[in-house]
């Protein structure tokens, strides 16, 4: 279990081009999480159950935040590589046609403007100097980049080398196919843009608006119940027999507001994941919008409550 834990973080660090051992990073992460767990437990020591739950929540939240950050970083590097990959393949094909060997063409084509792809090629190119076969050198390019497009491209090139095909022609056709794929993906993204905007509007504006109005209505009902409870005997009898005023009401204004805030945060979280799946095919990609959209949604919730309280609060306090 511990080996898998270390391997997970080591792989993510590798995809982010971070020169640190996974075991060392895992140790730091566990120490920080454990200290945070103990700090929260110490603050809530008077309530052992809440101390345990709060500590576990903080422990898990730290791991989730670090994992999300590393995944987003790896996906960002992969997107940059996929963006320049067709140009790189075309350049390699041109260098091969000019008379360079495939391994030298790879190294010469690694320009600074290709970003993370250049770094990966330079690392793989060092192995070619030691006499490593070209197929293994090419396969090593994708070890530090989390990209399905790059992985499939490398596999296709290696298979073409094994079959004895024309390397330059194969690279040109692969670059053309990647450009066509990117063009199709842009068209798909433009089609689903309306659905993405609808989801964002629903989780950012629609849900907070409904929760803001509903929680304010609960506040009104609690206020009316409190006024009736201290009124005349006939009003008290009415309170005990009609609708929600019947019996003891366990709701509180703070509890309802906390529930609404929690529901909005959860809704925004899963809505962002849906946006990520629809726009890029990766759930994690949508989480980069979560902090901003969550703050906007909570701001609208409390803004609606404040506006309704300012408009209707005086009327209610004076009329009841």
C-alpha atoms as a PDB file:
ATOM      1  CA  UNK A   1       0.000   0.000   0.000  1.00  0.00           C
ATOM      2  CA  UNK A   2       2.799   2.391   0.923  1.00  0.00           C
ATOM      3  CA  UNK A   3       4.637   1.539  -2.301  1.00  0.00           C
ATOM      4  CA  UNK A   4       1.560   2.406  -4.363  1.00  0.00           C
ATOM      5  CA  UNK A   5       1.182   5.646  -2.383  1.00  0.00           C
ATOM      6  CA  UNK A   6       4.795   6.635  -3.097  1.00  0.00           C
ATOM      7  CA  UNK A   7       4.509   5.547  -6.736  1.00  0.00           C
ATOM      8  CA  UNK A   8       1.405   7.701  -7.241  1.00  0.00           C
ATOM      9  CA  UNK A   9       3.092  10.887  -6.084  1.00  0.00           C
ATOM     10  CA  UNK A  10       6.333   9.987  -7.829  1.00  0.00           C
ATOM     11  CA  UNK A  11       4.498   9.620 -11.131  1.00  0.00           C
ATOM     12  CA  UNK A  12       2.723  12.950 -10.684  1.00  0.00           C
ATOM     13  CA  UNK A  13       6.002  14.682  -9.853  1.00  0.00           C
ATOM     14  CA  UNK A  14       7.526  13.142 -12.963  1.00  0.00           C
ATOM     15  CA  UNK A  15       4.692  14.448 -15.129  1.00  0.00           C
ATOM     16  CA  UNK A  16       5.269  17.935 -13.652  1.00  0.00           C
ATOM     17  CA  UNK A  17       9.027  17.698 -14.305  1.00  0.00           C
ATOM     18  CA  UNK A  18       9.806  18.019 -10.582  1.00  0.00           C
ATOM     19  CA  UNK A  19      13.146  16.567  -9.556  1.00  0.00           C
ATOM     20  CA  UNK A  20      12.104  14.966  -6.260  1.00  0.00           C
ATOM     21  CA  UNK A  21      11.679  11.377  -5.192  1.00  0.00           C
ATOM     22  CA  UNK A  22       8.119  10.221  -4.660  1.00  0.00           C
ATOM     23  CA  UNK A  23       9.005   8.701  -1.296  1.00  0.00           C
ATOM     24  CA  UNK A  24      10.451  11.971  -0.024  1.00  0.00           C
ATOM     25  CA  UNK A  25       7.480  13.991  -1.250  1.00  0.00           C
ATOM     26  CA  UNK A  26       5.071  11.480   0.304  1.00  0.00           C
ATOM     27  CA  UNK A  27       6.842  11.822   3.652  1.00  0.00           C
ATOM     28  CA  UNK A  28       6.521  15.624   3.573  1.00  0.00           C
ATOM     29  CA  UNK A  29       2.864  15.385   2.602  1.00  0.00           C
ATOM     30  CA  UNK A  30       2.070  12.924   5.388  1.00  0.00           C
ATOM     31  CA  UNK A  31       3.847  15.099   7.965  1.00  0.00           C
ATOM     32  CA  UNK A  32       1.941  18.237   6.933  1.00  0.00           C
ATOM     33  CA  UNK A  33      -1.367  16.351   6.871  1.00  0.00           C
ATOM     34  CA  UNK A  34      -0.724  14.761  10.275  1.00  0.00           C
ATOM     35  CA  UNK A  35       0.203  18.105  11.860  1.00  0.00           C
ATOM     36  CA  UNK A  36      -2.960  19.671  10.411  1.00  0.00           C
ATOM     37  CA  UNK A  37      -5.005  16.739  11.729  1.00  0.00           C
ATOM     38  CA  UNK A  38      -3.605  17.213  15.245  1.00  0.00           C
ATOM     39  CA  UNK A  39      -4.127  20.988  15.103  1.00  0.00           C
ATOM     40  CA  UNK A  40      -7.804  20.635  14.187  1.00  0.00           C
ATOM     41  CA  UNK A  41      -8.293  17.895  16.772  1.00  0.00           C
ATOM     42  CA  UNK A  42      -6.728  20.133  19.438  1.00  0.00           C
ATOM     43  CA  UNK A  43      -9.081  22.993  18.560  1.00  0.00           C
ATOM     44  CA  UNK A  44     -12.134  20.714  18.819  1.00  0.00           C
ATOM     45  CA  UNK A  45     -10.962  18.573  21.732  1.00  0.00           C
ATOM     46  CA  UNK A  46     -14.135  19.266  23.742  1.00  0.00           C
ATOM     47  CA  UNK A  47     -16.169  17.383  21.121  1.00  0.00           C
ATOM     48  CA  UNK A  48     -14.256  14.159  20.336  1.00  0.00           C
ATOM     49  CA  UNK A  49     -16.487  13.140  17.431  1.00  0.00           C
ATOM     50  CA  UNK A  50     -16.210  16.523  15.712  1.00  0.00           C
ATOM     51  CA  UNK A  51     -12.468  16.552  16.438  1.00  0.00           C
ATOM     52  CA  UNK A  52     -12.036  13.212  14.672  1.00  0.00           C
ATOM     53  CA  UNK A  53     -14.247  14.130  11.724  1.00  0.00           C
ATOM     54  CA  UNK A  54     -12.689  17.576  11.369  1.00  0.00           C
ATOM     55  CA  UNK A  55      -9.166  16.174  11.491  1.00  0.00           C
ATOM     56  CA  UNK A  56      -9.962  13.532   8.882  1.00  0.00           C
ATOM     57  CA  UNK A  57     -11.617  16.162   6.680  1.00  0.00           C
ATOM     58  CA  UNK A  58      -8.530  18.397   6.814  1.00  0.00           C
ATOM     59  CA  UNK A  59      -6.239  15.396   6.241  1.00  0.00           C
ATOM     60  CA  UNK A  60      -8.203  14.393   3.147  1.00  0.00           C
ATOM     61  CA  UNK A  61      -8.595  17.981   1.916  1.00  0.00           C
ATOM     62  CA  UNK A  62      -4.823  18.516   1.890  1.00  0.00           C
ATOM     63  CA  UNK A  63      -4.306  15.371  -0.178  1.00  0.00           C
ATOM     64  CA  UNK A  64      -7.109  16.333  -2.573  1.00  0.00           C
ATOM     65  CA  UNK A  65      -5.739  19.859  -3.057  1.00  0.00           C
ATOM     66  CA  UNK A  66      -2.190  18.647  -3.705  1.00  0.00           C
ATOM     67  CA  UNK A  67      -3.402  15.908  -6.049  1.00  0.00           C
ATOM     68  CA  UNK A  68      -5.607  18.345  -7.973  1.00  0.00           C
ATOM     69  CA  UNK A  69      -2.771  20.863  -8.258  1.00  0.00           C
ATOM     70  CA  UNK A  70      -0.356  18.260  -9.631  1.00  0.00           C
ATOM     71  CA  UNK A  71      -2.946  16.808 -12.010  1.00  0.00           C
ATOM     72  CA  UNK A  72      -3.773  20.263 -13.376  1.00  0.00           C
ATOM     73  CA  UNK A  73      -0.073  20.976 -13.803  1.00  0.00           C
ATOM     74  CA  UNK A  74       0.446  17.692 -15.654  1.00  0.00           C
ATOM     75  CA  UNK A  75      -2.556  18.346 -17.897  1.00  0.00           C
ATOM     76  CA  UNK A  76      -1.322  21.868 -18.601  1.00  0.00           C
ATOM     77  CA  UNK A  77       2.061  20.535 -19.735  1.00  0.00           C
ATOM     78  CA  UNK A  78       0.303  17.913 -21.852  1.00  0.00           C
ATOM     79  CA  UNK A  79      -1.868  20.562 -23.526  1.00  0.00           C
ATOM     80  CA  UNK A  80       1.199  22.637 -24.389  1.00  0.00           C
ATOM     81  CA  UNK A  81       2.888  19.584 -25.873  1.00  0.00           C
ATOM     82  CA  UNK A  82      -0.169  18.625 -27.929  1.00  0.00           C
ATOM     83  CA  UNK A  83      -0.392  22.191 -29.231  1.00  0.00           C
ATOM     84  CA  UNK A  84       3.128  22.182 -30.704  1.00  0.00           C
ATOM     85  CA  UNK A  85       3.403  18.474 -31.546  1.00  0.00           C
ATOM     86  CA  UNK A  86       2.294  18.779 -35.223  1.00  0.00           C
ATOM     87  CA  UNK A  87       4.834  21.558 -35.866  1.00  0.00           C
ATOM     88  CA  UNK A  88       7.554  19.511 -34.201  1.00  0.00           C
ATOM     89  CA  UNK A  89       6.784  16.415 -36.271  1.00  0.00           C
ATOM     90  CA  UNK A  90       6.790  18.447 -39.487  1.00  0.00           C
ATOM     91  CA  UNK A  91      10.143  19.959 -38.548  1.00  0.00           C
ATOM     92  CA  UNK A  92      11.621  16.526 -37.814  1.00  0.00           C
ATOM     93  CA  UNK A  93      10.363  15.265 -41.180  1.00  0.00           C
ATOM     94  CA  UNK A  94      12.001  18.228 -42.945  1.00  0.00           C
ATOM     95  CA  UNK A  95      15.307  17.594 -41.182  1.00  0.00           C
ATOM     96  CA  UNK A  96      15.198  13.897 -42.135  1.00  0.00           C
ATOM     97  CA  UNK A  97      14.582  14.816 -45.784  1.00  0.00           C
ATOM     98  CA  UNK A  98      17.553  17.178 -45.612  1.00  0.00           C
ATOM     99  CA  UNK A  99      19.822  14.216 -44.846  1.00  0.00           C
ATOM    100  CA  UNK A 100      19.943  13.975 -41.049  1.00  0.00           C
ATOM    101  CA  UNK A 101      19.528  10.662 -39.290  1.00  0.00           C
ATOM    102  CA  UNK A 102      16.279  10.273 -37.309  1.00  0.00           C
ATOM    103  CA  UNK A 103      17.957  10.531 -33.885  1.00  0.00           C
ATOM    104  CA  UNK A 104      19.869  13.682 -34.856  1.00  0.00           C
ATOM    105  CA  UNK A 105      16.746  15.126 -36.479  1.00  0.00           C
ATOM    106  CA  UNK A 106      14.864  14.703 -33.191  1.00  0.00           C
ATOM    107  CA  UNK A 107      17.512  16.555 -31.203  1.00  0.00           C
ATOM    108  CA  UNK A 108      18.016  19.342 -33.754  1.00  0.00           C
ATOM    109  CA  UNK A 109      14.255  19.941 -34.008  1.00  0.00           C
ATOM    110  CA  UNK A 110      13.904  20.491 -30.243  1.00  0.00           C
ATOM    111  CA  UNK A 111      13.568  24.268 -30.130  1.00  0.00           C
ATOM    112  CA  UNK A 112      12.890  26.444 -27.099  1.00  0.00           C
ATOM    113  CA  UNK A 113       9.444  27.499 -28.330  1.00  0.00           C
ATOM    114  CA  UNK A 114       8.262  23.899 -28.009  1.00  0.00           C
ATOM    115  CA  UNK A 115       8.449  24.220 -24.206  1.00  0.00           C
ATOM    116  CA  UNK A 116       7.953  20.985 -22.225  1.00  0.00           C
ATOM    117  CA  UNK A 117       8.331  18.882 -25.369  1.00  0.00           C
ATOM    118  CA  UNK A 118      11.857  20.213 -25.844  1.00  0.00           C
ATOM    119  CA  UNK A 119      12.789  19.299 -22.274  1.00  0.00           C
ATOM    120  CA  UNK A 120      11.452  15.761 -22.744  1.00  0.00           C
ATOM    121  CA  UNK A 121      13.317  15.340 -26.044  1.00  0.00           C
ATOM    122  CA  UNK A 122      16.580  16.582 -24.548  1.00  0.00           C
ATOM    123  CA  UNK A 123      16.277  14.067 -21.710  1.00  0.00           C
ATOM    124  CA  UNK A 124      15.568  11.258 -24.152  1.00  0.00           C
ATOM    125  CA  UNK A 125      18.324  12.459 -26.474  1.00  0.00           C
ATOM    126  CA  UNK A 126      20.944  11.962 -23.778  1.00  0.00           C
ATOM    127  CA  UNK A 127      20.220   8.239 -23.900  1.00  0.00           C
ATOM    128  CA  UNK A 128      20.767   8.112 -27.662  1.00  0.00           C
ATOM    129  CA  UNK A 129      24.375   9.201 -27.126  1.00  0.00           C
ATOM    130  CA  UNK A 130      24.962   6.091 -25.025  1.00  0.00           C
ATOM    131  CA  UNK A 131      23.898   3.860 -27.924  1.00  0.00           C
ATOM    132  CA  UNK A 132      20.302   3.190 -26.914  1.00  0.00           C
ATOM    133  CA  UNK A 133      18.122   2.011 -29.850  1.00  0.00           C
ATOM    134  CA  UNK A 134      16.065   4.705 -31.563  1.00  0.00           C
ATOM    135  CA  UNK A 135      12.772   3.014 -30.654  1.00  0.00           C
ATOM    136  CA  UNK A 136      13.568   3.193 -26.946  1.00  0.00           C
ATOM    137  CA  UNK A 137      14.710   6.795 -27.264  1.00  0.00           C
ATOM    138  CA  UNK A 138      11.416   7.762 -28.886  1.00  0.00           C
ATOM    139  CA  UNK A 139       9.423   5.842 -26.272  1.00  0.00           C
ATOM    140  CA  UNK A 140      11.290   7.740 -23.554  1.00  0.00           C
ATOM    141  CA  UNK A 141       9.917  11.067 -24.793  1.00  0.00           C
ATOM    142  CA  UNK A 142       6.481  10.311 -23.364  1.00  0.00           C
ATOM    143  CA  UNK A 143       7.658   9.180 -19.930  1.00  0.00           C
ATOM    144  CA  UNK A 144       7.517  12.704 -18.460  1.00  0.00           C
ATOM    145  CA  UNK A 145       4.374  13.906 -20.239  1.00  0.00           C
ATOM    146  CA  UNK A 146       0.830  12.801 -19.412  1.00  0.00           C
ATOM    147  CA  UNK A 147      -0.658  12.977 -22.903  1.00  0.00           C
ATOM    148  CA  UNK A 148      -2.676  10.335 -24.719  1.00  0.00           C
ATOM    149  CA  UNK A 149      -2.080  12.078 -28.048  1.00  0.00           C
ATOM    150  CA  UNK A 150       1.693  11.997 -27.583  1.00  0.00           C
ATOM    151  CA  UNK A 151       1.599   8.389 -26.402  1.00  0.00           C
ATOM    152  CA  UNK A 152      -0.398   7.247 -29.437  1.00  0.00           C
ATOM    153  CA  UNK A 153       1.822   9.269 -31.758  1.00  0.00           C
ATOM    154  CA  UNK A 154       4.971   7.689 -30.329  1.00  0.00           C
ATOM    155  CA  UNK A 155       3.472   4.210 -30.598  1.00  0.00           C
ATOM    156  CA  UNK A 156       2.520   4.859 -34.222  1.00  0.00           C
ATOM    157  CA  UNK A 157       6.023   6.082 -35.069  1.00  0.00           C
ATOM    158  CA  UNK A 158       7.671   3.080 -33.403  1.00  0.00           C
ATOM    159  CA  UNK A 159       5.392   0.673 -35.261  1.00  0.00           C
ATOM    160  CA  UNK A 160       6.232   2.456 -38.496  1.00  0.00           C
ATOM    161  CA  UNK A 161       9.937   2.053 -37.810  1.00  0.00           C
ATOM    162  CA  UNK A 162       9.480  -1.658 -37.150  1.00  0.00           C
ATOM    163  CA  UNK A 163       7.605  -2.097 -40.419  1.00  0.00           C
ATOM    164  CA  UNK A 164      10.345  -0.293 -42.357  1.00  0.00           C
ATOM    165  CA  UNK A 165       8.240   2.635 -43.557  1.00  0.00           C
ATOM    166  CA  UNK A 166       9.430   6.055 -44.693  1.00  0.00           C
ATOM    167  CA  UNK A 167      10.062   7.985 -41.471  1.00  0.00           C
ATOM    168  CA  UNK A 168       9.633  11.459 -42.978  1.00  0.00           C
ATOM    169  CA  UNK A 169       6.396  10.567 -44.740  1.00  0.00           C
ATOM    170  CA  UNK A 170       5.054   8.915 -41.590  1.00  0.00           C
ATOM    171  CA  UNK A 171       5.790  12.004 -39.486  1.00  0.00           C
ATOM    172  CA  UNK A 172       4.134  14.311 -42.029  1.00  0.00           C
ATOM    173  CA  UNK A 173       0.969  12.211 -42.132  1.00  0.00           C
ATOM    174  CA  UNK A 174       0.885  11.965 -38.337  1.00  0.00           C
ATOM    175  CA  UNK A 175       1.194  15.745 -38.021  1.00  0.00           C
ATOM    176  CA  UNK A 176      -1.641  16.190 -40.517  1.00  0.00           C
ATOM    177  CA  UNK A 177      -3.858  13.748 -38.608  1.00  0.00           C
ATOM    178  CA  UNK A 178      -3.206  15.587 -35.324  1.00  0.00           C
ATOM    179  CA  UNK A 179      -4.138  18.912 -36.926  1.00  0.00           C
ATOM    180  CA  UNK A 180      -7.371  17.400 -38.247  1.00  0.00           C
ATOM    181  CA  UNK A 181      -8.139  15.979 -34.810  1.00  0.00           C
ATOM    182  CA  UNK A 182      -7.592  19.387 -33.193  1.00  0.00           C
ATOM    183  CA  UNK A 183      -9.868  21.004 -35.761  1.00  0.00           C
ATOM    184  CA  UNK A 184     -12.642  18.485 -35.053  1.00  0.00           C
ATOM    185  CA  UNK A 185     -12.224  18.982 -31.309  1.00  0.00           C
ATOM    186  CA  UNK A 186     -12.576  22.757 -31.700  1.00  0.00           C
ATOM    187  CA  UNK A 187     -15.816  22.253 -33.634  1.00  0.00           C
ATOM    188  CA  UNK A 188     -17.143  19.944 -30.912  1.00  0.00           C
ATOM    189  CA  UNK A 189     -16.200  22.454 -28.207  1.00  0.00           C
ATOM    190  CA  UNK A 190     -18.064  25.201 -30.051  1.00  0.00           C
ATOM    191  CA  UNK A 191     -21.150  22.978 -30.252  1.00  0.00           C
ATOM    192  CA  UNK A 192     -21.198  22.107 -26.545  1.00  0.00           C
ATOM    193  CA  UNK A 193     -20.370  25.660 -25.470  1.00  0.00           C
ATOM    194  CA  UNK A 194     -24.068  26.434 -24.959  1.00  0.00           C
ATOM    195  CA  UNK A 195     -24.453  23.462 -22.614  1.00  0.00           C
ATOM    196  CA  UNK A 196     -21.355  24.491 -20.675  1.00  0.00           C
ATOM    197  CA  UNK A 197     -22.658  28.043 -20.279  1.00  0.00           C
ATOM    198  CA  UNK A 198     -26.031  26.697 -19.143  1.00  0.00           C
ATOM    199  CA  UNK A 199     -24.388  24.557 -16.448  1.00  0.00           C
ATOM    200  CA  UNK A 200     -22.234  27.464 -15.276  1.00  0.00           C
ATOM    201  CA  UNK A 201     -25.249  29.778 -15.126  1.00  0.00           C
ATOM    202  CA  UNK A 202     -27.306  27.191 -13.245  1.00  0.00           C
ATOM    203  CA  UNK A 203     -24.703  26.434 -10.572  1.00  0.00           C
ATOM    204  CA  UNK A 204     -23.428  30.006 -10.225  1.00  0.00           C
ATOM    205  CA  UNK A 205     -26.617  32.070 -10.452  1.00  0.00           C
ATOM    206  CA  UNK A 206     -29.698  29.833 -10.493  1.00  0.00           C
ATOM    207  CA  UNK A 207     -29.002  27.678  -7.444  1.00  0.00           C
ATOM    208  CA  UNK A 208     -27.848  30.572  -5.182  1.00  0.00           C
ATOM    209  CA  UNK A 209     -30.892  32.608  -6.198  1.00  0.00           C
ATOM    210  CA  UNK A 210     -33.308  29.812  -5.273  1.00  0.00           C
ATOM    211  CA  UNK A 211     -31.489  28.990  -2.049  1.00  0.00           C
ATOM    212  CA  UNK A 212     -31.329  32.665  -1.102  1.00  0.00           C
ATOM    213  CA  UNK A 213     -35.081  33.147  -1.518  1.00  0.00           C
ATOM    214  CA  UNK A 214     -35.963  29.851   0.177  1.00  0.00           C
ATOM    215  CA  UNK A 215     -33.736  30.454   3.199  1.00  0.00           C
ATOM    216  CA  UNK A 216     -35.197  33.938   3.598  1.00  0.00           C
ATOM    217  CA  UNK A 217     -38.705  32.453   3.511  1.00  0.00           C
ATOM    218  CA  UNK A 218     -37.676  30.055   6.272  1.00  0.00           C
ATOM    219  CA  UNK A 219     -36.460  33.034   8.298  1.00  0.00           C
ATOM    220  CA  UNK A 220     -39.851  34.690   7.812  1.00  0.00           C
ATOM    221  CA  UNK A 221     -41.691  31.567   8.959  1.00  0.00           C
ATOM    222  CA  UNK A 222     -39.479  31.271  12.022  1.00  0.00           C
ATOM    223  CA  UNK A 223     -40.127  34.926  12.814  1.00  0.00           C
ATOM    224  CA  UNK A 224     -43.887  34.488  12.433  1.00  0.00           C
ATOM    225  CA  UNK A 225     -43.862  31.384  14.609  1.00  0.00           C
ATOM    226  CA  UNK A 226     -41.931  33.248  17.285  1.00  0.00           C
ATOM    227  CA  UNK A 227     -44.379  36.155  17.205  1.00  0.00           C
ATOM    228  CA  UNK A 228     -47.412  33.853  17.341  1.00  0.00           C
ATOM    229  CA  UNK A 229     -45.896  31.837  20.164  1.00  0.00           C
ATOM    230  CA  UNK A 230     -45.888  34.882  22.461  1.00  0.00           C
ATOM    231  CA  UNK A 231     -49.246  36.248  21.292  1.00  0.00           C
ATOM    232  CA  UNK A 232     -52.790  35.764  22.452  1.00  0.00           C
ATOM    233  CA  UNK A 233     -54.261  32.407  23.433  1.00  0.00           C
ATOM    234  CA  UNK A 234     -56.256  32.142  20.195  1.00  0.00           C
ATOM    235  CA  UNK A 235     -53.149  32.803  18.125  1.00  0.00           C
ATOM    236  CA  UNK A 236     -51.272  30.186  20.106  1.00  0.00           C
ATOM    237  CA  UNK A 237     -54.026  27.672  19.417  1.00  0.00           C
ATOM    238  CA  UNK A 238     -53.768  28.518  15.722  1.00  0.00           C
ATOM    239  CA  UNK A 239     -50.016  28.037  15.846  1.00  0.00           C
ATOM    240  CA  UNK A 240     -50.485  24.597  17.333  1.00  0.00           C
ATOM    241  CA  UNK A 241     -52.889  23.330  14.700  1.00  0.00           C
ATOM    242  CA  UNK A 242     -52.058  24.919  11.343  1.00  0.00           C
ATOM    243  CA  UNK A 243     -49.369  23.899   8.847  1.00  0.00           C
ATOM    244  CA  UNK A 244     -45.727  24.240   9.729  1.00  0.00           C
ATOM    245  CA  UNK A 245     -46.604  26.151  12.880  1.00  0.00           C
ATOM    246  CA  UNK A 246     -47.869  22.922  14.419  1.00  0.00           C
ATOM    247  CA  UNK A 247     -45.626  21.504  17.123  1.00  0.00           C
ATOM    248  CA  UNK A 248     -42.049  22.462  17.917  1.00  0.00           C
ATOM    249  CA  UNK A 249     -39.965  23.548  14.929  1.00  0.00           C
ATOM    250  CA  UNK A 250     -36.399  22.210  15.041  1.00  0.00           C
ATOM    251  CA  UNK A 251     -35.128  24.479  12.250  1.00  0.00           C
ATOM    252  CA  UNK A 252     -32.883  27.445  12.943  1.00  0.00           C
ATOM    253  CA  UNK A 253     -31.862  30.284  10.657  1.00  0.00           C
ATOM    254  CA  UNK A 254     -28.167  29.450  11.049  1.00  0.00           C
ATOM    255  CA  UNK A 255     -28.747  25.771  10.296  1.00  0.00           C
ATOM    256  CA  UNK A 256     -30.721  26.497   7.132  1.00  0.00           C
ATOM    257  CA  UNK A 257     -28.079  28.964   5.925  1.00  0.00           C
ATOM    258  CA  UNK A 258     -25.315  26.442   6.593  1.00  0.00           C
ATOM    259  CA  UNK A 259     -27.224  23.763   4.683  1.00  0.00           C
ATOM    260  CA  UNK A 260     -27.763  26.107   1.726  1.00  0.00           C
ATOM    261  CA  UNK A 261     -24.082  27.094   1.653  1.00  0.00           C
ATOM    262  CA  UNK A 262     -22.967  23.456   1.791  1.00  0.00           C
ATOM    263  CA  UNK A 263     -25.424  22.447  -0.931  1.00  0.00           C
ATOM    264  CA  UNK A 264     -24.201  25.257  -3.189  1.00  0.00           C
ATOM    265  CA  UNK A 265     -20.545  24.309  -2.709  1.00  0.00           C
ATOM    266  CA  UNK A 266     -21.302  20.655  -3.514  1.00  0.00           C
ATOM    267  CA  UNK A 267     -23.376  21.666  -6.549  1.00  0.00           C
ATOM    268  CA  UNK A 268     -20.628  23.930  -7.876  1.00  0.00           C
ATOM    269  CA  UNK A 269     -18.028  21.195  -7.307  1.00  0.00           C
ATOM    270  CA  UNK A 270     -19.842  18.560  -9.357  1.00  0.00           C
ATOM    271  CA  UNK A 271     -20.935  21.159 -11.905  1.00  0.00           C
ATOM    272  CA  UNK A 272     -17.297  22.107 -12.496  1.00  0.00           C
ATOM    273  CA  UNK A 273     -16.428  18.444 -12.961  1.00  0.00           C
ATOM    274  CA  UNK A 274     -19.213  18.153 -15.550  1.00  0.00           C
ATOM    275  CA  UNK A 275     -17.860  21.225 -17.342  1.00  0.00           C
ATOM    276  CA  UNK A 276     -14.395  19.659 -17.392  1.00  0.00           C
ATOM    277  CA  UNK A 277     -15.712  16.435 -18.913  1.00  0.00           C
ATOM    278  CA  UNK A 278     -17.698  18.268 -21.581  1.00  0.00           C
ATOM    279  CA  UNK A 279     -14.964  20.726 -22.558  1.00  0.00           C
ATOM    280  CA  UNK A 280     -11.809  18.600 -22.416  1.00  0.00           C
ATOM    281  CA  UNK A 281     -12.796  15.056 -21.457  1.00  0.00           C
ATOM    282  CA  UNK A 282     -11.071  15.360 -18.060  1.00  0.00           C
ATOM    283  CA  UNK A 283     -13.052  15.865 -14.855  1.00  0.00           C
ATOM    284  CA  UNK A 284     -10.139  17.510 -13.089  1.00  0.00           C
ATOM    285  CA  UNK A 285      -9.848  20.224 -15.738  1.00  0.00           C
ATOM    286  CA  UNK A 286     -13.085  21.795 -14.547  1.00  0.00           C
ATOM    287  CA  UNK A 287     -11.903  22.045 -10.937  1.00  0.00           C
ATOM    288  CA  UNK A 288      -9.668  25.006 -11.746  1.00  0.00           C
ATOM    289  CA  UNK A 289     -12.858  27.071 -12.016  1.00  0.00           C
ATOM    290  CA  UNK A 290     -14.214  25.800  -8.685  1.00  0.00           C
ATOM    291  CA  UNK A 291     -12.756  28.440  -6.295  1.00  0.00           C
ATOM    292  CA  UNK A 292     -13.925  31.387  -8.390  1.00  0.00           C
ATOM    293  CA  UNK A 293     -17.405  29.997  -9.126  1.00  0.00           C
ATOM    294  CA  UNK A 294     -17.895  28.909  -5.504  1.00  0.00           C
ATOM    295  CA  UNK A 295     -17.069  32.410  -4.239  1.00  0.00           C
ATOM    296  CA  UNK A 296     -19.422  33.984  -6.788  1.00  0.00           C
ATOM    297  CA  UNK A 297     -22.238  31.570  -5.890  1.00  0.00           C
ATOM    298  CA  UNK A 298     -21.847  32.156  -2.143  1.00  0.00           C
ATOM    299  CA  UNK A 299     -21.679  35.907  -2.742  1.00  0.00           C
ATOM    300  CA  UNK A 300     -24.966  35.767  -4.657  1.00  0.00           C
ATOM    301  CA  UNK A 301     -26.571  33.654  -1.903  1.00  0.00           C
ATOM    302  CA  UNK A 302     -25.743  36.099   0.863  1.00  0.00           C
ATOM    303  CA  UNK A 303     -26.359  39.068  -1.437  1.00  0.00           C
ATOM    304  CA  UNK A 304     -29.915  37.861  -2.124  1.00  0.00           C
ATOM    305  CA  UNK A 305     -30.525  37.331   1.585  1.00  0.00           C
ATOM    306  CA  UNK A 306     -29.194  40.788   2.418  1.00  0.00           C
ATOM    307  CA  UNK A 307     -31.245  42.457  -0.329  1.00  0.00           C
ATOM    308  CA  UNK A 308     -34.482  40.739   0.713  1.00  0.00           C
ATOM    309  CA  UNK A 309     -33.801  41.532   4.354  1.00  0.00           C
ATOM    310  CA  UNK A 310     -33.179  45.196   3.526  1.00  0.00           C
ATOM    311  CA  UNK A 311     -36.329  45.462   1.394  1.00  0.00           C
ATOM    312  CA  UNK A 312     -38.769  43.358   3.415  1.00  0.00           C
ATOM    313  CA  UNK A 313     -37.179  43.319   6.858  1.00  0.00           C
ATOM    314  CA  UNK A 314     -38.667  46.625   7.948  1.00  0.00           C
ATOM    315  CA  UNK A 315     -42.119  45.712   6.651  1.00  0.00           C
ATOM    316  CA  UNK A 316     -42.092  42.388   8.497  1.00  0.00           C
ATOM    317  CA  UNK A 317     -40.843  43.797  11.780  1.00  0.00           C
ATOM    318  CA  UNK A 318     -43.401  46.560  11.647  1.00  0.00           C
ATOM    319  CA  UNK A 319     -46.317  44.445  10.457  1.00  0.00           C
ATOM    320  CA  UNK A 320     -45.996  41.509  12.815  1.00  0.00           C
END
